[in-house]
Amino acid sequence: MRLIPNWRRAGRMLSVQIAALAVLFAALPVDQQTAILALLGLAPERIPGVLGLAIIVARLIDQPAVSNTATAARSAHPKD
């Protein structure tokens, strides 16, 4: 298994940030999760789909602060 060239900047990736929010949400007590879902008007069974869609969209958005580093890393370390 190899890490992506810009793994050190993973915290800047929108998809990673959304996934981290999902982990934090899952760590909340159920009553707090229910209250947040009620505020957002979401049913609990919709959460996996909403999170999956959000992560996919976030992954497709251009993120210059992240992608510039990846390009530079590939230029500095060409494949053999």
N, C-alpha and C. Protein backbone atom coordinates (compact mmCIF):
# COMPACT_ATOMS: atom_id res chain seq x y z
N MET A 1 0.84 -1.17 0.00
CA MET A 1 0.00 0.00 0.00
C MET A 1 0.89 1.24 0.00
N ARG A 2 0.59 2.14 -0.93
CA ARG A 2 1.33 3.40 -1.00
C ARG A 2 0.39 4.55 -0.68
N LEU A 3 0.91 5.54 0.03
CA LEU A 3 0.13 6.74 0.31
C LEU A 3 0.14 7.66 -0.89
N ILE A 4 -0.85 8.53 -0.98
CA ILE A 4 -0.88 9.52 -2.05
C ILE A 4 0.29 10.47 -1.85
N PRO A 5 0.79 11.11 -2.91
CA PRO A 5 1.97 11.98 -2.78
C PRO A 5 1.78 13.13 -1.78
N ASN A 6 0.56 13.63 -1.66
CA ASN A 6 0.34 14.78 -0.78
C ASN A 6 -0.39 14.38 0.51
N TRP A 7 -0.09 13.22 1.04
CA TRP A 7 -0.78 12.73 2.23
C TRP A 7 -0.61 13.65 3.43
N ARG A 8 0.47 14.40 3.48
CA ARG A 8 0.69 15.32 4.61
C ARG A 8 -0.32 16.47 4.62
N ARG A 9 -0.96 16.71 3.49
CA ARG A 9 -1.95 17.78 3.38
C ARG A 9 -3.38 17.23 3.41
N ALA A 10 -3.56 16.02 3.87
CA ALA A 10 -4.88 15.40 3.88
C ALA A 10 -5.88 16.22 4.70
N GLY A 11 -5.43 16.87 5.74
CA GLY A 11 -6.31 17.69 6.56
C GLY A 11 -6.91 18.87 5.81
N ARG A 12 -6.30 19.25 4.71
CA ARG A 12 -6.81 20.35 3.89
C ARG A 12 -7.81 19.87 2.84
N MET A 13 -7.90 18.58 2.65
CA MET A 13 -8.81 18.03 1.65
C MET A 13 -10.24 18.05 2.18
N LEU A 14 -11.13 18.63 1.40
CA LEU A 14 -12.52 18.76 1.80
C LEU A 14 -13.15 17.40 2.07
N SER A 15 -12.82 16.41 1.27
CA SER A 15 -13.39 15.08 1.47
C SER A 15 -12.95 14.48 2.81
N VAL A 16 -11.73 14.73 3.21
CA VAL A 16 -11.23 14.24 4.50
C VAL A 16 -11.91 14.99 5.64
N GLN A 17 -12.13 16.28 5.47
CA GLN A 17 -12.80 17.07 6.50
C GLN A 17 -14.24 16.59 6.71
N ILE A 18 -14.93 16.30 5.62
CA ILE A 18 -16.31 15.81 5.73
C ILE A 18 -16.31 14.43 6.40
N ALA A 19 -15.38 13.57 6.04
CA ALA A 19 -15.29 12.25 6.66
C ALA A 19 -14.99 12.38 8.16
N ALA A 20 -14.15 13.34 8.54
CA ALA A 20 -13.84 13.57 9.95
C ALA A 20 -15.10 14.03 10.71
N LEU A 21 -15.90 14.88 10.07
CA LEU A 21 -17.16 15.30 10.69
C LEU A 21 -18.10 14.11 10.89
N ALA A 22 -18.10 13.19 9.93
CA ALA A 22 -18.93 11.99 10.05
C ALA A 22 -18.49 11.14 11.25
N VAL A 23 -17.19 11.03 11.44
CA VAL A 23 -16.66 10.27 12.58
C VAL A 23 -17.04 10.95 13.90
N LEU A 24 -16.90 12.28 13.94
CA LEU A 24 -17.29 13.03 15.14
C LEU A 24 -18.78 12.88 15.43
N PHE A 25 -19.60 12.95 14.39
CA PHE A 25 -21.04 12.79 14.56
C PHE A 25 -21.36 11.41 15.13
N ALA A 26 -20.69 10.39 14.62
CA ALA A 26 -20.93 9.02 15.10
C ALA A 26 -20.52 8.85 16.56
N ALA A 27 -19.57 9.67 17.02
CA ALA A 27 -19.10 9.58 18.41
C ALA A 27 -20.05 10.27 19.39
N LEU A 28 -20.99 11.07 18.89
CA LEU A 28 -21.94 11.75 19.76
C LEU A 28 -22.96 10.77 20.33
N PRO A 29 -23.49 11.07 21.50
CA PRO A 29 -24.59 10.25 22.02
C PRO A 29 -25.80 10.30 21.08
N VAL A 30 -26.60 9.26 21.09
CA VAL A 30 -27.72 9.14 20.16
C VAL A 30 -28.70 10.30 20.30
N ASP A 31 -28.94 10.77 21.52
CA ASP A 31 -29.89 11.88 21.69
C ASP A 31 -29.38 13.17 21.05
N GLN A 32 -28.09 13.40 21.10
CA GLN A 32 -27.51 14.57 20.43
C GLN A 32 -27.56 14.41 18.91
N GLN A 33 -27.30 13.20 18.43
CA GLN A 33 -27.41 12.94 17.00
C GLN A 33 -28.84 13.21 16.52
N THR A 34 -29.81 12.74 17.29
CA THR A 34 -31.21 12.92 16.94
C THR A 34 -31.57 14.40 16.91
N ALA A 35 -31.08 15.17 17.88
CA ALA A 35 -31.37 16.61 17.93
C ALA A 35 -30.77 17.33 16.71
N ILE A 36 -29.55 16.97 16.34
CA ILE A 36 -28.90 17.59 15.17
C ILE A 36 -29.65 17.24 13.90
N LEU A 37 -30.04 15.98 13.77
CA LEU A 37 -30.79 15.56 12.58
C LEU A 37 -32.14 16.27 12.49
N ALA A 38 -32.77 16.48 13.63
CA ALA A 38 -34.05 17.19 13.66
C ALA A 38 -33.86 18.64 13.20
N LEU A 39 -32.76 19.28 13.64
CA LEU A 39 -32.47 20.65 13.22
C LEU A 39 -32.26 20.73 11.70
N LEU A 40 -31.62 19.71 11.15
CA LEU A 40 -31.32 19.67 9.72
C LEU A 40 -32.48 19.12 8.89
N GLY A 41 -33.47 18.56 9.57
CA GLY A 41 -34.61 17.98 8.86
C GLY A 41 -34.28 16.71 8.11
N LEU A 42 -33.34 15.93 8.65
CA LEU A 42 -32.93 14.68 8.01
C LEU A 42 -33.37 13.48 8.83
N ALA A 43 -33.80 12.44 8.14
CA ALA A 43 -34.11 11.18 8.80
C ALA A 43 -32.81 10.39 8.98
N PRO A 44 -32.67 9.66 10.06
CA PRO A 44 -31.43 8.91 10.31
C PRO A 44 -31.03 7.97 9.17
N GLU A 45 -32.01 7.38 8.48
CA GLU A 45 -31.67 6.45 7.40
C GLU A 45 -31.11 7.15 6.17
N ARG A 46 -31.18 8.47 6.12
CA ARG A 46 -30.65 9.23 4.99
C ARG A 46 -29.18 9.62 5.17
N ILE A 47 -28.65 9.51 6.36
CA ILE A 47 -27.30 9.97 6.67
C ILE A 47 -26.23 9.29 5.81
N PRO A 48 -26.21 7.97 5.66
CA PRO A 48 -25.15 7.38 4.81
C PRO A 48 -25.16 7.92 3.39
N GLY A 49 -26.34 8.08 2.81
CA GLY A 49 -26.42 8.61 1.46
C GLY A 49 -25.96 10.06 1.36
N VAL A 50 -26.37 10.87 2.32
CA VAL A 50 -25.98 12.29 2.33
C VAL A 50 -24.46 12.42 2.51
N LEU A 51 -23.91 11.67 3.45
CA LEU A 51 -22.46 11.72 3.67
C LEU A 51 -21.69 11.20 2.47
N GLY A 52 -22.14 10.11 1.90
CA GLY A 52 -21.47 9.58 0.72
C GLY A 52 -21.48 10.57 -0.43
N LEU A 53 -22.61 11.19 -0.68
CA LEU A 53 -22.71 12.18 -1.74
C LEU A 53 -21.82 13.39 -1.45
N ALA A 54 -21.81 13.85 -0.20
CA ALA A 54 -20.98 14.99 0.17
C ALA A 54 -19.50 14.69 -0.03
N ILE A 55 -19.07 13.49 0.31
CA ILE A 55 -17.66 13.12 0.14
C ILE A 55 -17.30 13.01 -1.34
N ILE A 56 -18.20 12.45 -2.14
CA ILE A 56 -17.94 12.35 -3.58
C ILE A 56 -17.82 13.73 -4.20
N VAL A 57 -18.76 14.61 -3.89
CA VAL A 57 -18.73 15.97 -4.43
C VAL A 57 -17.46 16.70 -3.97
N ALA A 58 -17.13 16.56 -2.69
CA ALA A 58 -15.93 17.23 -2.16
C ALA A 58 -14.67 16.73 -2.85
N ARG A 59 -14.65 15.45 -3.19
CA ARG A 59 -13.47 14.88 -3.85
C ARG A 59 -13.31 15.41 -5.27
N LEU A 60 -14.42 15.77 -5.90
CA LEU A 60 -14.39 16.25 -7.27
C LEU A 60 -14.09 17.74 -7.40
N ILE A 61 -14.22 18.48 -6.30
CA ILE A 61 -13.97 19.93 -6.32
C ILE A 61 -12.47 20.18 -6.38
N ASP A 62 -12.06 21.09 -7.27
CA ASP A 62 -10.65 21.45 -7.37
C ASP A 62 -10.21 22.15 -6.09
N GLN A 63 -9.11 21.70 -5.53
CA GLN A 63 -8.57 22.27 -4.30
C GLN A 63 -7.11 22.64 -4.55
N PRO A 64 -6.87 23.86 -5.06
CA PRO A 64 -5.51 24.26 -5.44
C PRO A 64 -4.48 24.11 -4.33
N ALA A 65 -4.86 24.37 -3.10
CA ALA A 65 -3.90 24.25 -1.99
C ALA A 65 -3.41 22.82 -1.82
N VAL A 66 -4.20 21.86 -2.26
CA VAL A 66 -3.83 20.45 -2.16
C VAL A 66 -3.21 19.97 -3.46
N SER A 67 -3.83 20.30 -4.59
CA SER A 67 -3.38 19.76 -5.87
C SER A 67 -2.05 20.32 -6.33
N ASN A 68 -1.70 21.55 -5.97
CA ASN A 68 -0.40 22.11 -6.34
C ASN A 68 0.72 21.30 -5.73
N THR A 69 0.54 20.85 -4.52
CA THR A 69 1.55 20.04 -3.86
C THR A 69 1.70 18.69 -4.54
N ALA A 70 0.58 18.12 -4.96
CA ALA A 70 0.63 16.81 -5.62
C ALA A 70 1.40 16.90 -6.93
N THR A 71 1.15 17.96 -7.68
CA THR A 71 1.86 18.15 -8.94
C THR A 71 3.35 18.32 -8.70
N ALA A 72 3.70 19.12 -7.70
CA ALA A 72 5.11 19.34 -7.38
C ALA A 72 5.78 18.04 -6.92
N ALA A 73 5.06 17.24 -6.16
CA ALA A 73 5.62 15.98 -5.67
C ALA A 73 5.86 15.01 -6.82
N ARG A 74 4.94 14.97 -7.78
CA ARG A 74 5.13 14.08 -8.93
C ARG A 74 6.30 14.53 -9.78
N SER A 75 6.47 15.85 -9.91
CA SER A 75 7.59 16.38 -10.70
C SER A 75 8.92 16.07 -10.03
N ALA A 76 8.94 16.17 -8.72
CA ALA A 76 10.18 15.95 -7.98
C ALA A 76 10.56 14.47 -7.90
N HIS A 77 9.56 13.58 -7.95
CA HIS A 77 9.81 12.15 -7.84
C HIS A 77 9.16 11.39 -9.00
N PRO A 78 9.72 11.49 -10.19
CA PRO A 78 9.12 10.76 -11.33
C PRO A 78 9.22 9.26 -11.10
N LYS A 79 8.27 8.53 -11.69
CA LYS A 79 8.28 7.07 -11.56
C LYS A 79 9.45 6.47 -12.32
N ASP A 80 9.93 5.36 -11.81
CA ASP A 80 11.06 4.67 -12.45
C ASP A 80 10.62 3.93 -13.68
